[in-house]
Amino acid sequence: MAVSNQPPDSRFSYVVLVARRARQLMAGGRPLIDNPKNNKYTRVAEEELQRGLLDYELHEAFDGTEDKDGKKKKS
């Protein structure tokens, strides 16, 4: 797992990151951009992500080969 500040390749991850950041802004978080192009929380969050101002970690995807304890399933 590496910390990144570039937009993820996955559309799902992109939407999740923007939504989380928008919720932070709605809860009173301060924008990382001085003059955003738009005042909507989701647009500000998206602009921050596009400019590389948000750091995040993407975890490995669950592939279903392990049980709930992390042990490999028998084939």
PDB file of N, CA and C in Angstrom:
ATOM      1  N   MET A   1       0.827  -1.175   0.000  1.00  0.00           N
ATOM      2  CA  MET A   1       0.000   0.000   0.000  1.00  0.00           C
ATOM      3  C   MET A   1       0.878   1.246   0.000  1.00  0.00           C
ATOM      4  N   ALA A   2       0.673   2.066  -0.964  1.00  0.00           N
ATOM      5  CA  ALA A   2       1.437   3.298  -1.043  1.00  0.00           C
ATOM      6  C   ALA A   2       0.484   4.484  -0.984  1.00  0.00           C
ATOM      7  N   VAL A   3       0.932   5.551  -0.366  1.00  0.00           N
ATOM      8  CA  VAL A   3       0.137   6.771  -0.322  1.00  0.00           C
ATOM      9  C   VAL A   3       0.297   7.472  -1.659  1.00  0.00           C
ATOM     10  N   SER A   4      -0.809   7.929  -2.187  1.00  0.00           N
ATOM     11  CA  SER A   4      -0.794   8.594  -3.483  1.00  0.00           C
ATOM     12  C   SER A   4      -1.538   9.911  -3.386  1.00  0.00           C
ATOM     13  N   ASN A   5      -1.233  10.806  -4.310  1.00  0.00           N
ATOM     14  CA  ASN A   5      -1.992  12.042  -4.394  1.00  0.00           C
ATOM     15  C   ASN A   5      -2.476  12.292  -5.823  1.00  0.00           C
ATOM     16  N   GLN A   6      -2.323  11.298  -6.687  1.00  0.00           N
ATOM     17  CA  GLN A   6      -2.838  11.380  -8.053  1.00  0.00           C
ATOM     18  C   GLN A   6      -4.199  10.701  -8.099  1.00  0.00           C
ATOM     19  N   PRO A   7      -5.113  11.159  -8.966  1.00  0.00           N
ATOM     20  CA  PRO A   7      -6.432  10.514  -9.047  1.00  0.00           C
ATOM     21  C   PRO A   7      -6.296   9.026  -9.374  1.00  0.00           C
ATOM     22  N   PRO A   8      -7.088   8.181  -8.717  1.00  0.00           N
ATOM     23  CA  PRO A   8      -7.000   6.742  -8.978  1.00  0.00           C
ATOM     24  C   PRO A   8      -7.530   6.384 -10.366  1.00  0.00           C
ATOM     25  N   ASP A   9      -7.096   5.237 -10.877  1.00  0.00           N
ATOM     26  CA  ASP A   9      -7.556   4.772 -12.183  1.00  0.00           C
ATOM     27  C   ASP A   9      -8.992   4.251 -12.121  1.00  0.00           C
ATOM     28  N   SER A  10      -9.372   3.704 -11.005  1.00  0.00           N
ATOM     29  CA  SER A  10     -10.701   3.128 -10.831  1.00  0.00           C
ATOM     30  C   SER A  10     -11.746   4.232 -10.643  1.00  0.00           C
ATOM     31  N   ARG A  11     -12.811   4.184 -11.425  1.00  0.00           N
ATOM     32  CA  ARG A  11     -13.882   5.176 -11.283  1.00  0.00           C
ATOM     33  C   ARG A  11     -14.553   5.070  -9.924  1.00  0.00           C
ATOM     34  N   PHE A  12     -14.716   3.848  -9.442  1.00  0.00           N
ATOM     35  CA  PHE A  12     -15.334   3.641  -8.137  1.00  0.00           C
ATOM     36  C   PHE A  12     -14.505   4.300  -7.041  1.00  0.00           C
ATOM     37  N   SER A  13     -13.196   4.073  -7.048  1.00  0.00           N
ATOM     38  CA  SER A  13     -12.311   4.673  -6.046  1.00  0.00           C
ATOM     39  C   SER A  13     -12.338   6.191  -6.139  1.00  0.00           C
ATOM     40  N   TYR A  14     -12.388   6.704  -7.360  1.00  0.00           N
ATOM     41  CA  TYR A  14     -12.436   8.146  -7.582  1.00  0.00           C
ATOM     42  C   TYR A  14     -13.688   8.745  -6.925  1.00  0.00           C
ATOM     43  N   VAL A  15     -14.831   8.121  -7.172  1.00  0.00           N
ATOM     44  CA  VAL A  15     -16.096   8.617  -6.624  1.00  0.00           C
ATOM     45  C   VAL A  15     -16.093   8.524  -5.103  1.00  0.00           C
ATOM     46  N   VAL A  16     -15.576   7.437  -4.558  1.00  0.00           N
ATOM     47  CA  VAL A  16     -15.531   7.272  -3.101  1.00  0.00           C
ATOM     48  C   VAL A  16     -14.655   8.354  -2.467  1.00  0.00           C
ATOM     49  N   LEU A  17     -13.504   8.621  -3.066  1.00  0.00           N
ATOM     50  CA  LEU A  17     -12.605   9.654  -2.524  1.00  0.00           C
ATOM     51  C   LEU A  17     -13.248  11.032  -2.564  1.00  0.00           C
ATOM     52  N   VAL A  18     -13.861  11.369  -3.680  1.00  0.00           N
ATOM     53  CA  VAL A  18     -14.509  12.679  -3.803  1.00  0.00           C
ATOM     54  C   VAL A  18     -15.656  12.795  -2.811  1.00  0.00           C
ATOM     55  N   ALA A  19     -16.445  11.733  -2.651  1.00  0.00           N
ATOM     56  CA  ALA A  19     -17.572  11.765  -1.719  1.00  0.00           C
ATOM     57  C   ALA A  19     -17.098  11.937  -0.277  1.00  0.00           C
ATOM     58  N   ARG A  20     -16.044  11.235   0.098  1.00  0.00           N
ATOM     59  CA  ARG A  20     -15.518  11.372   1.466  1.00  0.00           C
ATOM     60  C   ARG A  20     -15.013  12.784   1.727  1.00  0.00           C
ATOM     61  N   ARG A  21     -14.305  13.330   0.758  1.00  0.00           N
ATOM     62  CA  ARG A  21     -13.784  14.691   0.921  1.00  0.00           C
ATOM     63  C   ARG A  21     -14.935  15.707   0.949  1.00  0.00           C
ATOM     64  N   ALA A  22     -15.957  15.501   0.134  1.00  0.00           N
ATOM     65  CA  ALA A  22     -17.115  16.401   0.133  1.00  0.00           C
ATOM     66  C   ALA A  22     -17.809  16.382   1.494  1.00  0.00           C
ATOM     67  N   ARG A  23     -17.907  15.203   2.106  1.00  0.00           N
ATOM     68  CA  ARG A  23     -18.502  15.110   3.446  1.00  0.00           C
ATOM     69  C   ARG A  23     -17.671  15.879   4.463  1.00  0.00           C
ATOM     70  N   GLN A  24     -16.356  15.820   4.334  1.00  0.00           N
ATOM     71  CA  GLN A  24     -15.487  16.587   5.230  1.00  0.00           C
ATOM     72  C   GLN A  24     -15.743  18.079   5.069  1.00  0.00           C
ATOM     73  N   LEU A  25     -15.888  18.525   3.838  1.00  0.00           N
ATOM     74  CA  LEU A  25     -16.156  19.939   3.568  1.00  0.00           C
ATOM     75  C   LEU A  25     -17.524  20.349   4.119  1.00  0.00           C
ATOM     76  N   MET A  26     -18.522  19.491   3.959  1.00  0.00           N
ATOM     77  CA  MET A  26     -19.862  19.787   4.477  1.00  0.00           C
ATOM     78  C   MET A  26     -19.859  19.877   5.998  1.00  0.00           C
ATOM     79  N   ALA A  27     -18.982  19.114   6.641  1.00  0.00           N
ATOM     80  CA  ALA A  27     -18.905  19.107   8.102  1.00  0.00           C
ATOM     81  C   ALA A  27     -18.090  20.279   8.633  1.00  0.00           C
ATOM     82  N   GLY A  28     -17.612  21.135   7.739  1.00  0.00           N
ATOM     83  CA  GLY A  28     -16.880  22.322   8.186  1.00  0.00           C
ATOM     84  C   GLY A  28     -15.412  22.338   7.830  1.00  0.00           C
ATOM     85  N   GLY A  29     -14.932  21.336   7.110  1.00  0.00           N
ATOM     86  CA  GLY A  29     -13.530  21.321   6.685  1.00  0.00           C
ATOM     87  C   GLY A  29     -13.231  22.472   5.747  1.00  0.00           C
ATOM     88  N   ARG A  30     -12.035  22.946   5.808  1.00  0.00           N
ATOM     89  CA  ARG A  30     -11.645  24.078   4.954  1.00  0.00           C
ATOM     90  C   ARG A  30     -11.117  23.560   3.623  1.00  0.00           C
ATOM     91  N   PRO A  31     -11.523  24.195   2.526  1.00  0.00           N
ATOM     92  CA  PRO A  31     -11.018  23.801   1.213  1.00  0.00           C
ATOM     93  C   PRO A  31      -9.505  23.996   1.118  1.00  0.00           C
ATOM     94  N   LEU A  32      -8.846  23.143   0.358  1.00  0.00           N
ATOM     95  CA  LEU A  32      -7.408  23.244   0.144  1.00  0.00           C
ATOM     96  C   LEU A  32      -7.083  24.166  -1.030  1.00  0.00           C
ATOM     97  N   ILE A  33      -8.110  24.712  -1.654  1.00  0.00           N
ATOM     98  CA  ILE A  33      -7.958  25.603  -2.802  1.00  0.00           C
ATOM     99  C   ILE A  33      -8.449  26.986  -2.386  1.00  0.00           C
ATOM    100  N   ASP A  34      -7.678  28.017  -2.714  1.00  0.00           N
ATOM    101  CA  ASP A  34      -8.070  29.380  -2.346  1.00  0.00           C
ATOM    102  C   ASP A  34      -9.304  29.859  -3.100  1.00  0.00           C
ATOM    103  N   ASN A  35      -9.317  29.720  -4.399  1.00  0.00           N
ATOM    104  CA  ASN A  35     -10.445  30.179  -5.212  1.00  0.00           C
ATOM    105  C   ASN A  35     -10.963  29.045  -6.083  1.00  0.00           C
ATOM    106  N   PRO A  36     -11.810  28.164  -5.518  1.00  0.00           N
ATOM    107  CA  PRO A  36     -12.320  27.057  -6.332  1.00  0.00           C
ATOM    108  C   PRO A  36     -13.195  27.580  -7.471  1.00  0.00           C
ATOM    109  N   LYS A  37     -13.232  26.814  -8.563  1.00  0.00           N
ATOM    110  CA  LYS A  37     -14.033  27.199  -9.727  1.00  0.00           C
ATOM    111  C   LYS A  37     -15.523  27.161  -9.419  1.00  0.00           C
ATOM    112  N   ASN A  38     -15.917  26.341  -8.458  1.00  0.00           N
ATOM    113  CA  ASN A  38     -17.314  26.144  -8.112  1.00  0.00           C
ATOM    114  C   ASN A  38     -17.406  26.042  -6.597  1.00  0.00           C
ATOM    115  N   ASN A  39     -18.523  26.438  -6.021  1.00  0.00           N
ATOM    116  CA  ASN A  39     -18.674  26.394  -4.563  1.00  0.00           C
ATOM    117  C   ASN A  39     -19.367  25.141  -4.055  1.00  0.00           C
ATOM    118  N   LYS A  40     -19.774  24.240  -4.951  1.00  0.00           N
ATOM    119  CA  LYS A  40     -20.401  22.994  -4.509  1.00  0.00           C
ATOM    120  C   LYS A  40     -19.333  22.088  -3.904  1.00  0.00           C
ATOM    121  N   TYR A  41     -19.689  21.434  -2.803  1.00  0.00           N
ATOM    122  CA  TYR A  41     -18.719  20.617  -2.080  1.00  0.00           C
ATOM    123  C   TYR A  41     -18.103  19.522  -2.948  1.00  0.00           C
ATOM    124  N   THR A  42     -18.931  18.856  -3.737  1.00  0.00           N
ATOM    125  CA  THR A  42     -18.400  17.772  -4.565  1.00  0.00           C
ATOM    126  C   THR A  42     -17.451  18.305  -5.632  1.00  0.00           C
ATOM    127  N   ARG A  43     -17.737  19.465  -6.181  1.00  0.00           N
ATOM    128  CA  ARG A  43     -16.870  20.043  -7.211  1.00  0.00           C
ATOM    129  C   ARG A  43     -15.551  20.518  -6.615  1.00  0.00           C
ATOM    130  N   VAL A  44     -15.603  21.070  -5.414  1.00  0.00           N
ATOM    131  CA  VAL A  44     -14.372  21.494  -4.732  1.00  0.00           C
ATOM    132  C   VAL A  44     -13.514  20.267  -4.438  1.00  0.00           C
ATOM    133  N   ALA A  45     -14.136  19.201  -3.935  1.00  0.00           N
ATOM    134  CA  ALA A  45     -13.416  17.964  -3.627  1.00  0.00           C
ATOM    135  C   ALA A  45     -12.805  17.377  -4.894  1.00  0.00           C
ATOM    136  N   GLU A  46     -13.549  17.384  -5.978  1.00  0.00           N
ATOM    137  CA  GLU A  46     -13.044  16.859  -7.245  1.00  0.00           C
ATOM    138  C   GLU A  46     -11.855  17.687  -7.746  1.00  0.00           C
ATOM    139  N   GLU A  47     -11.950  19.001  -7.632  1.00  0.00           N
ATOM    140  CA  GLU A  47     -10.847  19.868  -8.058  1.00  0.00           C
ATOM    141  C   GLU A  47      -9.602  19.630  -7.204  1.00  0.00           C
ATOM    142  N   GLU A  48      -9.792  19.437  -5.904  1.00  0.00           N
ATOM    143  CA  GLU A  48      -8.662  19.141  -5.021  1.00  0.00           C
ATOM    144  C   GLU A  48      -7.980  17.840  -5.430  1.00  0.00           C
ATOM    145  N   LEU A  49      -8.774  16.824  -5.748  1.00  0.00           N
ATOM    146  CA  LEU A  49      -8.219  15.537  -6.157  1.00  0.00           C
ATOM    147  C   LEU A  49      -7.490  15.660  -7.493  1.00  0.00           C
ATOM    148  N   GLN A  50      -8.069  16.373  -8.431  1.00  0.00           N
ATOM    149  CA  GLN A  50      -7.443  16.557  -9.745  1.00  0.00           C
ATOM    150  C   GLN A  50      -6.106  17.301  -9.645  1.00  0.00           C
ATOM    151  N   ARG A  51      -6.014  18.234  -8.717  1.00  0.00           N
ATOM    152  CA  ARG A  51      -4.770  18.999  -8.537  1.00  0.00           C
ATOM    153  C   ARG A  51      -3.724  18.248  -7.712  1.00  0.00           C
ATOM    154  N   GLY A  52      -4.091  17.084  -7.197  1.00  0.00           N
ATOM    155  CA  GLY A  52      -3.147  16.284  -6.430  1.00  0.00           C
ATOM    156  C   GLY A  52      -2.965  16.757  -4.999  1.00  0.00           C
ATOM    157  N   LEU A  53      -3.979  17.410  -4.446  1.00  0.00           N
ATOM    158  CA  LEU A  53      -3.883  17.953  -3.092  1.00  0.00           C
ATOM    159  C   LEU A  53      -4.358  16.985  -2.014  1.00  0.00           C
ATOM    160  N   LEU A  54      -4.991  15.887  -2.417  1.00  0.00           N
ATOM    161  CA  LEU A  54      -5.496  14.909  -1.452  1.00  0.00           C
ATOM    162  C   LEU A  54      -4.600  13.681  -1.436  1.00  0.00           C
ATOM    163  N   ASP A  55      -4.180  13.278  -0.260  1.00  0.00           N
ATOM    164  CA  ASP A  55      -3.406  12.047  -0.101  1.00  0.00           C
ATOM    165  C   ASP A  55      -4.349  10.936   0.335  1.00  0.00           C
ATOM    166  N   TYR A  56      -4.164   9.740  -0.200  1.00  0.00           N
ATOM    167  CA  TYR A  56      -5.017   8.616   0.144  1.00  0.00           C
ATOM    168  C   TYR A  56      -4.238   7.326  -0.049  1.00  0.00           C
ATOM    169  N   GLU A  57      -4.766   6.241   0.527  1.00  0.00           N
ATOM    170  CA  GLU A  57      -4.210   4.899   0.362  1.00  0.00           C
ATOM    171  C   GLU A  57      -5.285   4.008  -0.227  1.00  0.00           C
ATOM    172  N   LEU A  58      -4.934   3.232  -1.228  1.00  0.00           N
ATOM    173  CA  LEU A  58      -5.839   2.227  -1.767  1.00  0.00           C
ATOM    174  C   LEU A  58      -5.411   0.872  -1.226  1.00  0.00           C
ATOM    175  N   HIS A  59      -6.330   0.155  -0.639  1.00  0.00           N
ATOM    176  CA  HIS A  59      -6.042  -1.164  -0.093  1.00  0.00           C
ATOM    177  C   HIS A  59      -6.225  -2.212  -1.169  1.00  0.00           C
ATOM    178  N   GLU A  60      -5.556  -3.340  -0.987  1.00  0.00           N
ATOM    179  CA  GLU A  60      -5.679  -4.429  -1.954  1.00  0.00           C
ATOM    180  C   GLU A  60      -7.113  -4.937  -1.995  1.00  0.00           C
ATOM    181  N   ALA A  61      -7.562  -5.291  -3.163  1.00  0.00           N
ATOM    182  CA  ALA A  61      -8.918  -5.787  -3.339  1.00  0.00           C
ATOM    183  C   ALA A  61      -9.046  -7.191  -2.751  1.00  0.00           C
ATOM    184  N   PHE A  62     -10.192  -7.487  -2.202  1.00  0.00           N
ATOM    185  CA  PHE A  62     -10.479  -8.812  -1.673  1.00  0.00           C
ATOM    186  C   PHE A  62     -10.794  -9.720  -2.852  1.00  0.00           C
ATOM    187  N   ASP A  63     -10.038 -10.794  -2.993  1.00  0.00           N
ATOM    188  CA  ASP A  63     -10.242 -11.680  -4.143  1.00  0.00           C
ATOM    189  C   ASP A  63     -11.043 -12.931  -3.802  1.00  0.00           C
ATOM    190  N   GLY A  64     -11.454 -13.095  -2.558  1.00  0.00           N
ATOM    191  CA  GLY A  64     -12.299 -14.213  -2.178  1.00  0.00           C
ATOM    192  C   GLY A  64     -11.558 -15.514  -1.916  1.00  0.00           C
ATOM    193  N   THR A  65     -10.230 -15.509  -1.947  1.00  0.00           N
ATOM    194  CA  THR A  65      -9.483 -16.749  -1.732  1.00  0.00           C
ATOM    195  C   THR A  65      -9.128 -16.959  -0.266  1.00  0.00           C
ATOM    196  N   GLU A  66      -9.486 -16.019   0.599  1.00  0.00           N
ATOM    197  CA  GLU A  66      -9.207 -16.157   2.018  1.00  0.00           C
ATOM    198  C   GLU A  66     -10.510 -16.140   2.795  1.00  0.00           C
ATOM    199  N   ASP A  67     -10.523 -16.860   3.925  1.00  0.00           N
ATOM    200  CA  ASP A  67     -11.710 -16.821   4.758  1.00  0.00           C
ATOM    201  C   ASP A  67     -11.644 -15.600   5.674  1.00  0.00           C
ATOM    202  N   LYS A  68     -12.599 -15.491   6.595  1.00  0.00           N
ATOM    203  CA  LYS A  68     -12.668 -14.299   7.437  1.00  0.00           C
ATOM    204  C   LYS A  68     -11.472 -14.149   8.370  1.00  0.00           C
ATOM    205  N   ASP A  69     -10.727 -15.233   8.621  1.00  0.00           N
ATOM    206  CA  ASP A  69      -9.544 -15.167   9.481  1.00  0.00           C
ATOM    207  C   ASP A  69      -8.261 -14.875   8.710  1.00  0.00           C
ATOM    208  N   GLY A  70      -8.382 -14.707   7.394  1.00  0.00           N
ATOM    209  CA  GLY A  70      -7.205 -14.429   6.592  1.00  0.00           C
ATOM    210  C   GLY A  70      -6.459 -15.662   6.117  1.00  0.00           C
ATOM    211  N   LYS A  71      -7.060 -16.847   6.350  1.00  0.00           N
ATOM    212  CA  LYS A  71      -6.418 -18.090   5.931  1.00  0.00           C
ATOM    213  C   LYS A  71      -6.902 -18.471   4.528  1.00  0.00           C
ATOM    214  N   LYS A  72      -6.021 -19.051   3.756  1.00  0.00           N
ATOM    215  CA  LYS A  72      -6.376 -19.476   2.400  1.00  0.00           C
ATOM    216  C   LYS A  72      -7.443 -20.557   2.438  1.00  0.00           C
ATOM    217  N   LYS A  73      -8.446 -20.417   1.563  1.00  0.00           N
ATOM    218  CA  LYS A  73      -9.479 -21.435   1.463  1.00  0.00           C
ATOM    219  C   LYS A  73      -8.961 -22.640   0.715  1.00  0.00           C
ATOM    220  N   LYS A  74      -9.486 -23.803   1.078  1.00  0.00           N
ATOM    221  CA  LYS A  74      -9.097 -25.030   0.369  1.00  0.00           C
ATOM    222  C   LYS A  74      -9.833 -25.075  -0.960  1.00  0.00           C
ATOM    223  N   SER A  75      -9.146 -25.522  -1.980  1.00  0.00           N
ATOM    224  CA  SER A  75      -9.764 -25.584  -3.307  1.00  0.00           C
ATOM    225  C   SER A  75     -10.474 -26.883  -3.529  1.00  0.00           C
TER     226      SER A  75
END
